[in-house]
N, C-alpha and C. Protein backbone atom coordinates (compact mmCIF):
# COMPACT_ATOMS: atom_id res chain seq x y z
N MET A 1 -0.03 9.78 -10.95
CA MET A 1 -1.22 10.83 -10.05
C MET A 1 -2.60 9.06 -10.09
N SER A 2 -2.28 9.38 -8.43
CA SER A 2 -3.00 8.14 -7.99
C SER A 2 -4.60 8.56 -7.72
N ASN A 3 -5.04 9.57 -7.57
CA ASN A 3 -6.31 9.51 -8.00
C ASN A 3 -6.89 11.02 -9.11
N PHE A 4 -8.06 11.26 -8.99
CA PHE A 4 -8.10 12.76 -10.24
C PHE A 4 -9.17 12.52 -10.94
N HIS A 5 -10.27 13.61 -10.15
CA HIS A 5 -11.48 14.43 -10.57
C HIS A 5 -11.29 15.01 -11.44
N ALA A 6 -11.60 15.67 -11.98
CA ALA A 6 -13.02 16.86 -12.65
C ALA A 6 -13.80 17.41 -11.74
N PRO A 7 -14.08 18.45 -12.39
CA PRO A 7 -15.33 19.03 -11.63
C PRO A 7 -15.63 19.05 -13.13
N GLY A 8 -17.45 19.53 -13.07
CA GLY A 8 -18.42 19.67 -14.05
C GLY A 8 -19.73 20.90 -13.66
N GLY A 9 -20.00 20.60 -14.81
CA GLY A 9 -21.45 21.55 -13.97
C GLY A 9 -21.29 22.68 -15.35
N PRO A 10 -22.47 24.31 -15.27
CA PRO A 10 -22.84 24.86 -16.40
C PRO A 10 -21.36 25.85 -15.64
N GLY A 11 -21.01 26.32 -16.43
CA GLY A 11 -20.20 27.22 -16.48
C GLY A 11 -19.05 26.55 -16.01
N VAL A 12 -18.39 24.93 -16.22
CA VAL A 12 -17.09 25.28 -15.66
C VAL A 12 -16.62 24.16 -16.62
N ARG A 13 -15.22 24.62 -16.90
CA ARG A 13 -14.32 24.07 -17.12
C ARG A 13 -13.64 23.42 -17.46
N MET A 14 -12.78 22.25 -17.70
CA MET A 14 -10.86 21.98 -16.78
C MET A 14 -10.21 21.77 -17.93
N ASP A 15 -9.39 21.82 -18.57
CA ASP A 15 -8.35 21.64 -19.90
C ASP A 15 -7.17 21.91 -19.08
N THR A 16 -6.98 19.69 -18.69
CA THR A 16 -6.02 18.88 -18.74
C THR A 16 -5.65 17.80 -19.68
N HIS A 17 -4.23 17.32 -18.89
CA HIS A 17 -4.61 15.24 -19.40
C HIS A 17 -4.49 14.67 -18.44
N LEU A 18 -4.64 14.96 -17.80
CA LEU A 18 -4.76 14.54 -16.39
C LEU A 18 -5.64 12.95 -16.77
N TYR A 19 -5.40 11.90 -15.26
CA TYR A 19 -6.26 11.02 -15.49
C TYR A 19 -5.85 10.37 -14.55
N SER A 20 -7.18 9.72 -13.56
CA SER A 20 -6.45 8.30 -12.69
C SER A 20 -5.27 7.65 -12.60
N GLY A 21 -4.08 7.22 -12.51
CA GLY A 21 -3.31 6.42 -12.51
C GLY A 21 -1.40 6.67 -13.53
N TYR A 22 -2.68 8.12 -14.24
CA TYR A 22 -1.18 9.27 -15.14
C TYR A 22 0.16 8.83 -14.28
N ARG A 23 1.09 8.59 -15.19
CA ARG A 23 2.83 8.89 -14.86
C ARG A 23 3.83 10.71 -14.73
N VAL A 24 3.40 11.44 -14.13
CA VAL A 24 3.96 12.74 -14.29
C VAL A 24 5.86 12.41 -14.64
N PRO A 25 5.83 12.83 -15.74
CA PRO A 25 6.83 12.95 -15.55
C PRO A 25 8.21 13.86 -14.62
N PRO A 26 9.16 13.53 -15.33
CA PRO A 26 9.88 14.35 -13.68
C PRO A 26 9.55 16.01 -14.41
N ASN A 27 10.06 16.26 -15.33
CA ASN A 27 10.45 17.87 -16.47
C ASN A 27 9.24 18.10 -17.06
N TYR A 28 8.05 17.85 -16.17
CA TYR A 28 6.69 18.32 -16.23
C TYR A 28 6.82 19.44 -16.36
N ASP A 29 5.53 20.50 -16.82
CA ASP A 29 5.35 21.75 -16.41
C ASP A 29 4.41 21.98 -15.84
N SER A 30 4.60 22.89 -14.58
CA SER A 30 3.75 22.76 -13.52
C SER A 30 2.89 23.04 -13.66
N MET A 31 2.23 23.47 -14.37
CA MET A 31 0.31 23.46 -14.93
C MET A 31 0.12 22.61 -15.36
N ILE A 32 -0.53 21.83 -15.15
CA ILE A 32 -0.63 20.38 -15.57
C ILE A 32 -2.00 20.29 -15.93
N GLY A 33 -3.16 20.99 -15.50
CA GLY A 33 -4.35 21.58 -15.25
C GLY A 33 -4.73 23.07 -15.74
N LYS A 34 -5.76 23.32 -15.51
CA LYS A 34 -6.55 25.33 -15.82
C LYS A 34 -7.97 24.58 -15.54
N LEU A 35 -8.28 25.30 -14.35
CA LEU A 35 -9.68 25.20 -14.13
C LEU A 35 -10.26 26.68 -14.44
N ILE A 36 -11.17 26.69 -15.22
CA ILE A 36 -12.48 28.04 -16.05
C ILE A 36 -13.00 27.58 -15.80
N VAL A 37 -13.71 29.11 -15.40
CA VAL A 37 -14.73 28.62 -14.66
C VAL A 37 -15.59 30.43 -15.46
N HIS A 38 -17.05 30.59 -15.72
CA HIS A 38 -17.92 31.56 -16.23
C HIS A 38 -19.11 31.32 -15.40
N GLY A 39 -19.87 33.61 -14.85
CA GLY A 39 -21.07 33.18 -15.15
C GLY A 39 -21.69 34.33 -15.14
N ALA A 40 -23.07 34.54 -14.87
CA ALA A 40 -24.10 35.91 -15.43
C ALA A 40 -23.34 37.06 -14.94
N ASP A 41 -22.85 37.00 -13.68
CA ASP A 41 -21.77 37.91 -12.87
C ASP A 41 -20.59 37.59 -11.70
N ARG A 42 -19.77 38.35 -11.66
CA ARG A 42 -18.58 37.34 -10.86
C ARG A 42 -19.63 36.98 -9.74
N ASP A 43 -20.15 37.61 -9.23
CA ASP A 43 -20.36 36.87 -8.02
C ASP A 43 -21.38 35.55 -8.10
N ILE A 44 -22.09 34.84 -8.92
CA ILE A 44 -21.63 33.47 -9.55
C ILE A 44 -20.72 32.74 -10.18
N ALA A 45 -19.94 33.96 -10.95
CA ALA A 45 -18.47 32.87 -11.59
C ALA A 45 -17.77 32.57 -10.13
N LEU A 46 -18.06 33.48 -8.75
CA LEU A 46 -16.84 33.54 -7.72
C LEU A 46 -17.09 31.63 -7.13
N GLU A 47 -18.85 32.09 -6.81
CA GLU A 47 -19.13 30.71 -6.83
C GLU A 47 -19.49 29.20 -6.87
N ARG A 48 -18.99 29.79 -8.49
CA ARG A 48 -19.13 28.02 -9.20
C ARG A 48 -17.69 27.98 -9.48
N MET A 49 -16.76 29.17 -9.23
CA MET A 49 -14.94 28.62 -8.56
C MET A 49 -14.39 27.76 -7.19
N ARG A 50 -15.85 28.59 -6.63
CA ARG A 50 -15.63 27.93 -4.82
C ARG A 50 -15.75 26.59 -4.81
N VAL A 51 -17.39 26.02 -5.95
CA VAL A 51 -17.57 24.56 -5.75
C VAL A 51 -16.90 23.73 -6.17
N ALA A 52 -16.44 24.49 -7.64
CA ALA A 52 -15.75 23.25 -8.58
C ALA A 52 -14.32 23.11 -7.46
N LEU A 53 -13.64 24.00 -6.91
CA LEU A 53 -12.51 23.49 -6.75
C LEU A 53 -12.27 22.04 -5.51
N GLY A 54 -13.67 22.29 -4.76
CA GLY A 54 -14.11 21.77 -3.45
C GLY A 54 -14.44 20.11 -4.36
N GLU A 55 -14.49 20.66 -5.48
CA GLU A 55 -14.72 19.40 -6.28
C GLU A 55 -13.61 18.47 -7.66
N LEU A 56 -13.01 19.67 -7.40
CA LEU A 56 -11.14 18.71 -7.87
C LEU A 56 -10.64 17.35 -7.53
N ILE A 57 -10.68 17.15 -7.48
CA ILE A 57 -9.00 16.03 -6.73
C ILE A 57 -7.94 15.81 -7.16
N VAL A 58 -6.62 16.02 -6.41
CA VAL A 58 -5.46 15.62 -6.97
C VAL A 58 -4.54 15.08 -6.66
N GLU A 59 -4.63 13.87 -6.29
CA GLU A 59 -3.57 13.03 -5.64
C GLU A 59 -2.49 12.73 -5.70
N GLY A 60 -1.27 12.92 -5.34
CA GLY A 60 -0.25 12.06 -5.51
C GLY A 60 0.35 12.78 -6.32
N VAL A 61 0.61 14.71 -5.88
CA VAL A 61 1.08 15.46 -6.50
C VAL A 61 0.95 16.34 -5.81
N ARG A 62 1.76 17.31 -6.28
CA ARG A 62 2.06 18.80 -4.87
C ARG A 62 0.62 18.92 -5.60
N THR A 63 -0.50 20.63 -5.47
CA THR A 63 -1.39 21.32 -5.95
C THR A 63 -1.61 22.44 -5.04
N ASN A 64 -1.72 23.80 -6.19
CA ASN A 64 -2.21 24.92 -5.00
C ASN A 64 -3.31 24.99 -5.25
N LEU A 65 -3.71 23.67 -4.59
CA LEU A 65 -5.30 23.99 -4.14
C LEU A 65 -5.64 24.19 -2.81
N PRO A 66 -5.25 23.75 -1.63
CA PRO A 66 -5.52 24.95 -0.83
C PRO A 66 -5.55 27.26 -0.72
N LEU A 67 -4.06 26.87 -1.88
CA LEU A 67 -4.36 28.57 -1.58
C LEU A 67 -5.51 28.66 -2.47
N GLN A 68 -5.96 27.94 -3.75
CA GLN A 68 -6.80 28.77 -4.21
C GLN A 68 -8.47 28.68 -3.20
N GLN A 69 -8.02 28.10 -2.29
CA GLN A 69 -9.24 27.56 -1.87
C GLN A 69 -9.42 29.31 -1.37
N ARG A 70 -8.74 29.53 -1.05
CA ARG A 70 -8.24 30.54 0.82
C ARG A 70 -8.40 31.80 0.10
N ILE A 71 -8.41 32.00 -1.36
CA ILE A 71 -8.80 32.46 -2.31
C ILE A 71 -9.89 33.50 -2.74
N MET A 72 -10.72 31.95 -2.76
CA MET A 72 -11.96 32.36 -2.98
C MET A 72 -12.81 32.05 -2.21
N ALA A 73 -12.48 31.89 -0.80
CA ALA A 73 -12.98 32.56 0.58
C ALA A 73 -13.17 33.85 1.27
N ASP A 74 -11.78 34.20 0.71
CA ASP A 74 -10.76 35.34 1.24
C ASP A 74 -12.32 37.16 0.98
N SER A 75 -12.56 37.24 2.49
CA SER A 75 -13.43 38.14 1.89
C SER A 75 -13.89 39.43 0.70
N GLY A 76 -11.69 39.95 0.50
CA GLY A 76 -11.53 41.06 0.11
C GLY A 76 -11.62 40.75 -1.46
N PHE A 77 -11.06 38.94 -1.22
CA PHE A 77 -11.07 38.80 -2.86
C PHE A 77 -12.32 38.65 -3.84
N ARG A 78 -12.86 38.49 -3.11
CA ARG A 78 -14.35 38.27 -3.11
C ARG A 78 -14.79 39.94 -3.79
N LYS A 79 -14.37 40.42 -2.61
CA LYS A 79 -15.39 41.74 -2.34
C LYS A 79 -15.37 42.80 -4.33
N GLY A 80 -14.11 42.26 -5.02
CA GLY A 80 -13.64 42.27 -5.41
C GLY A 80 -12.57 43.77 -5.36
N GLY A 81 -12.12 44.71 -6.06
CA GLY A 81 -10.95 45.59 -6.81
C GLY A 81 -9.14 45.69 -6.03
N GLN A 82 -9.52 44.05 -5.70
CA GLN A 82 -8.05 44.21 -6.31
C GLN A 82 -6.99 44.10 -7.30
N ASN A 83 -5.60 44.48 -7.23
CA ASN A 83 -4.76 44.46 -8.09
C ASN A 83 -3.86 43.28 -7.60
N ILE A 84 -2.70 43.10 -8.48
CA ILE A 84 -1.33 42.36 -8.90
C ILE A 84 -0.96 42.23 -7.59
N HIS A 85 -0.91 42.75 -6.71
CA HIS A 85 -0.70 42.58 -5.18
C HIS A 85 -0.96 41.76 -4.44
N TYR A 86 -2.30 40.88 -4.28
CA TYR A 86 -3.59 40.48 -3.67
C TYR A 86 -2.45 39.88 -3.02
N LEU A 87 -2.77 38.99 -3.76
CA LEU A 87 -1.67 37.73 -3.48
C LEU A 87 -0.18 38.02 -2.96
N GLU A 88 0.10 38.71 -2.93
CA GLU A 88 2.17 38.83 -2.75
C GLU A 88 1.31 39.83 -0.59
N LYS A 89 0.37 40.12 -0.56
CA LYS A 89 0.11 41.55 0.43
C LYS A 89 -0.62 40.03 1.04
N ARG A 90 -0.77 39.41 0.74
CA ARG A 90 -1.95 38.06 1.63
C ARG A 90 -0.76 37.57 1.99
N ILE A 91 -0.20 36.67 1.70
CA ILE A 91 0.38 36.19 2.52
C ILE A 91 1.17 36.34 2.89
N THR A 92 1.86 37.41 3.35
CA THR A 92 3.06 38.15 3.86
C THR A 92 2.47 38.57 5.11
N GLU A 93 0.68 39.07 5.10
CA GLU A 93 0.03 38.68 6.20
C GLU A 93 -0.13 37.83 7.06
N ARG A 94 -0.24 36.87 6.12
CA ARG A 94 -0.69 35.52 6.96
C ARG A 94 1.41 34.90 7.58
N LYS A 95 2.08 34.88 6.81
CA LYS A 95 3.38 34.69 7.75
C LYS A 95 3.95 35.28 8.80
N ASP A 96 3.24 37.58 9.15
CA ASP A 96 3.19 38.62 9.87
C ASP A 96 2.38 37.61 11.36
N LYS A 97 1.06 36.81 10.69
CA LYS A 97 0.72 36.28 11.36
C LYS A 97 1.16 35.08 11.99
N SER A 98 1.21 33.91 12.07
CA SER A 98 1.94 33.18 12.36
C SER A 98 3.27 33.15 12.79
N ILE A 99 4.28 33.95 12.94
CA ILE A 99 4.77 34.26 13.28
C ILE A 99 4.78 34.93 15.10
N LYS A 100 3.38 35.65 14.91
CA LYS A 100 3.26 36.59 16.18
C LYS A 100 2.77 35.33 17.92
N LEU A 101 1.58 34.47 16.18
CA LEU A 101 1.27 33.26 17.20
C LEU A 101 1.99 32.39 17.46
N GLY A 102 3.20 32.36 16.83
CA GLY A 102 3.95 31.19 16.94
C GLY A 102 5.24 31.53 17.90
């Protein structure tokens, strides 16, 4: 782990054992950290998550941080009412779009 900075603030919690300079073992659990936010309502919680993801720095290992940031920016997700197939559907749409553009 070459660089790590956890976000903070009201309603934001980062559960992890990471620190800058930590050597991630080759057989590590892929969930090396968990970012949790809460707010008085969905809009507040989503905004806190968007900001927290922007503040989170994890360098030296691959993460799904860019995917999480895209989800927080997606108007369909922000609107709510999604089901367990949301992510699968969005990934398929994105692949189809890149194939058409390719």
